[in-house]
């Protein structure tokens, strides 16, 4: 797909499109500018719909608390077209960072999911404690325990047999 950006144009190559997304002439989409390169033929704009930066910018556009810094995005993990996990945090204990992202009746997160063609988004509360953070990331699975090995930067997670597939996630995505 070739996109017109002012007087310039950019090409959205297939591997930078959301899997299963079909674009037709006249569609208005949001894209993420990955890089602008100078070439002999003029600037070359590299754009993406799969880059995790797109999710970050969509959150900034839709959620005033993220835009103004009250809620901070700590990390994003994305499998475009399928699922994104985003960890959020607030220094203000009176602010619920997850609730701020979801919004009243889920409207904020719904708007973002719609822009990403129905991609699922899990919002988790960030923690400096690795055990707590990993347990949050694997929710809604019921975690028995998480044992962190700081030196190897690994965690061992213990779940009951009936929670194993939920903790692993679809196609091992967790």
Protein backbone atom coordinates (compact mmCIF):
# COMPACT_ATOMS: atom_id res chain seq x y z
CA UNK A 1 0.00 0.00 0.00
CA UNK A 2 1.35 3.44 -0.89
CA UNK A 3 0.35 6.21 1.48
CA UNK A 4 0.35 9.89 0.69
CA UNK A 5 1.82 11.98 3.51
CA UNK A 6 1.64 15.61 2.48
CA UNK A 7 3.83 15.94 -0.61
CA UNK A 8 5.71 12.76 0.24
CA UNK A 9 4.68 9.16 -0.06
CA UNK A 10 5.58 6.08 1.92
CA UNK A 11 5.14 2.41 1.27
CA UNK A 12 3.56 0.14 3.85
CA UNK A 13 5.10 -3.24 3.04
CA UNK A 14 3.18 -6.43 3.78
CA UNK A 15 5.28 -7.47 6.79
CA UNK A 16 4.59 -4.08 8.42
CA UNK A 17 0.81 -4.50 8.05
CA UNK A 18 -1.33 -6.12 10.70
CA UNK A 19 -1.81 -9.77 9.66
CA UNK A 20 -5.21 -10.26 8.04
CA UNK A 21 -5.71 -6.51 7.54
CA UNK A 22 -7.02 -5.56 4.12
CA UNK A 23 -6.52 -1.97 3.06
CA UNK A 24 -8.35 -0.34 0.19
CA UNK A 25 -7.84 3.00 -1.47
CA UNK A 26 -9.32 5.78 0.63
CA UNK A 27 -8.93 4.01 4.00
CA UNK A 28 -7.78 6.31 6.78
CA UNK A 29 -5.37 4.53 9.10
CA UNK A 30 -2.90 5.46 11.77
CA UNK A 31 0.69 4.47 11.11
CA UNK A 32 3.95 4.67 13.02
CA UNK A 33 6.93 6.39 11.38
CA UNK A 34 9.85 4.11 12.13
CA UNK A 35 12.55 6.07 10.29
CA UNK A 36 13.11 8.71 7.65
CA UNK A 37 16.15 8.12 5.45
CA UNK A 38 17.78 10.50 3.02
CA UNK A 39 18.25 8.91 -0.38
CA UNK A 40 19.35 10.25 -3.76
CA UNK A 41 15.69 10.32 -4.83
CA UNK A 42 14.59 12.25 -1.74
CA UNK A 43 13.41 11.16 1.70
CA UNK A 44 12.37 7.55 2.19
CA UNK A 45 9.77 7.16 4.95
CA UNK A 46 9.66 3.77 6.68
CA UNK A 47 6.25 3.20 8.27
CA UNK A 48 4.62 0.39 10.21
CA UNK A 49 1.31 -0.83 11.64
CA UNK A 50 3.00 -3.68 13.55
CA UNK A 51 5.59 -1.70 15.53
CA UNK A 52 4.94 -1.56 19.29
CA UNK A 53 5.51 2.20 19.07
CA UNK A 54 2.13 2.46 17.31
CA UNK A 55 0.42 1.02 20.40
CA UNK A 56 2.29 3.46 22.63
CA UNK A 57 1.23 6.44 20.51
CA UNK A 58 -2.40 5.23 20.36
CA UNK A 59 -2.42 5.06 24.17
CA UNK A 60 -1.00 8.58 24.34
CA UNK A 61 -3.71 9.85 21.97
CA UNK A 62 -6.59 8.11 23.73
CA UNK A 63 -5.58 8.32 27.41
CA UNK A 64 -4.95 11.80 28.85
CA UNK A 65 -3.21 10.36 31.94
CA UNK A 66 -0.56 8.76 29.73
CA UNK A 67 -0.21 11.87 27.58
CA UNK A 68 0.36 14.10 30.63
CA UNK A 69 2.67 11.59 32.39
CA UNK A 70 0.37 10.75 35.32
CA UNK A 71 0.36 7.14 34.10
CA UNK A 72 3.55 5.78 32.58
CA UNK A 73 3.95 2.92 30.10
CA UNK A 74 6.74 0.74 31.47
CA UNK A 75 6.84 -1.92 28.75
CA UNK A 76 4.99 -3.25 25.73
CA UNK A 77 5.08 -6.70 24.20
CA UNK A 78 3.19 -7.11 20.95
CA UNK A 79 2.28 -9.87 18.57
CA UNK A 80 0.58 -7.74 15.91
CA UNK A 81 -2.88 -8.86 14.92
CA UNK A 82 -3.18 -11.16 17.92
CA UNK A 83 -2.34 -9.72 21.33
CA UNK A 84 -0.50 -6.91 23.07
CA UNK A 85 0.49 -6.81 26.72
CA UNK A 86 1.22 -3.41 28.15
CA UNK A 87 2.52 -2.68 31.65
CA UNK A 88 1.48 0.64 33.18
CA UNK A 89 2.40 2.40 36.43
CA UNK A 90 1.62 5.60 38.30
CA UNK A 91 3.65 7.37 40.99
CA UNK A 92 0.37 8.79 42.31
CA UNK A 93 -1.16 6.11 44.56
CA UNK A 94 -4.61 7.68 44.11
CA UNK A 95 -4.54 6.87 40.38
CA UNK A 96 -5.43 3.38 39.16
CA UNK A 97 -3.19 3.05 36.08
CA UNK A 98 -5.05 0.04 34.67
CA UNK A 99 -8.48 1.61 35.21
CA UNK A 100 -7.29 4.85 33.60
CA UNK A 101 -6.34 2.92 30.46
CA UNK A 102 -9.58 0.98 30.29
CA UNK A 103 -11.79 4.03 30.84
CA UNK A 104 -15.46 4.30 31.72
CA UNK A 105 -17.36 1.33 30.28
CA UNK A 106 -14.12 0.26 28.53
CA UNK A 107 -14.38 3.03 25.94
CA UNK A 108 -10.71 4.06 25.92
CA UNK A 109 -9.33 0.59 25.36
CA UNK A 110 -12.14 -0.27 22.93
CA UNK A 111 -11.17 2.66 20.70
CA UNK A 112 -7.55 1.46 20.64
CA UNK A 113 -8.58 -2.16 19.90
CA UNK A 114 -10.80 -0.96 17.06
CA UNK A 115 -7.90 0.95 15.48
CA UNK A 116 -5.83 -2.24 15.69
CA UNK A 117 -8.58 -4.26 13.95
CA UNK A 118 -9.71 -6.13 17.08
CA UNK A 119 -6.29 -7.00 18.47
CA UNK A 120 -6.60 -8.07 22.12
CA UNK A 121 -4.85 -5.81 24.63
CA UNK A 122 -3.98 -6.92 28.15
CA UNK A 123 -3.19 -4.06 30.51
CA UNK A 124 -1.23 -5.07 33.57
CA UNK A 125 0.00 -3.13 36.58
CA UNK A 126 3.79 -2.81 36.53
CA UNK A 127 5.81 -3.80 39.60
CA UNK A 128 9.52 -3.54 40.40
CA UNK A 129 9.15 -6.90 42.14
CA UNK A 130 9.81 -9.52 39.41
CA UNK A 131 7.62 -12.17 41.07
CA UNK A 132 4.63 -9.83 41.31
CA UNK A 133 5.19 -8.51 37.78
CA UNK A 134 5.35 -11.99 36.22
CA UNK A 135 2.23 -13.08 38.12
CA UNK A 136 0.39 -9.99 36.80
CA UNK A 137 1.58 -10.69 33.25
CA UNK A 138 0.22 -14.24 33.34
CA UNK A 139 -3.23 -13.23 34.63
CA UNK A 140 -5.97 -14.41 34.49
CA UNK A 141 -4.17 -17.69 35.30
CA UNK A 142 -4.09 -18.44 39.04
CA UNK A 143 -0.42 -18.54 39.97
CA UNK A 144 0.67 -20.64 42.95
CA UNK A 145 4.14 -19.11 43.14
CA UNK A 146 6.83 -17.32 41.18
CA UNK A 147 10.49 -17.87 41.99
CA UNK A 148 12.85 -15.29 40.50
CA UNK A 149 16.52 -15.93 39.79
CA UNK A 150 17.98 -12.41 39.58
CA UNK A 151 21.43 -13.53 38.42
CA UNK A 152 20.07 -15.50 35.44
CA UNK A 153 17.14 -13.09 34.87
CA UNK A 154 14.68 -16.00 34.82
CA UNK A 155 11.53 -16.93 36.74
CA UNK A 156 10.05 -20.31 37.55
CA UNK A 157 6.26 -20.18 37.72
CA UNK A 158 4.20 -22.82 39.47
CA UNK A 159 0.54 -23.28 38.49
CA UNK A 160 -2.00 -26.06 38.99
CA UNK A 161 -2.53 -28.49 36.10
CA UNK A 162 -5.85 -26.92 35.16
CA UNK A 163 -4.20 -23.47 34.85
CA UNK A 164 -1.21 -24.56 32.77
CA UNK A 165 -2.62 -23.87 29.30
CA UNK A 166 -4.01 -20.52 30.47
CA UNK A 167 -0.60 -19.51 31.88
CA UNK A 168 1.21 -20.58 28.70
CA UNK A 169 -1.24 -18.74 26.46
CA UNK A 170 -2.32 -19.37 22.88
CA UNK A 171 0.56 -20.89 20.93
CA UNK A 172 2.90 -20.26 23.90
CA UNK A 173 2.54 -16.51 23.59
CA UNK A 174 2.90 -15.78 27.32
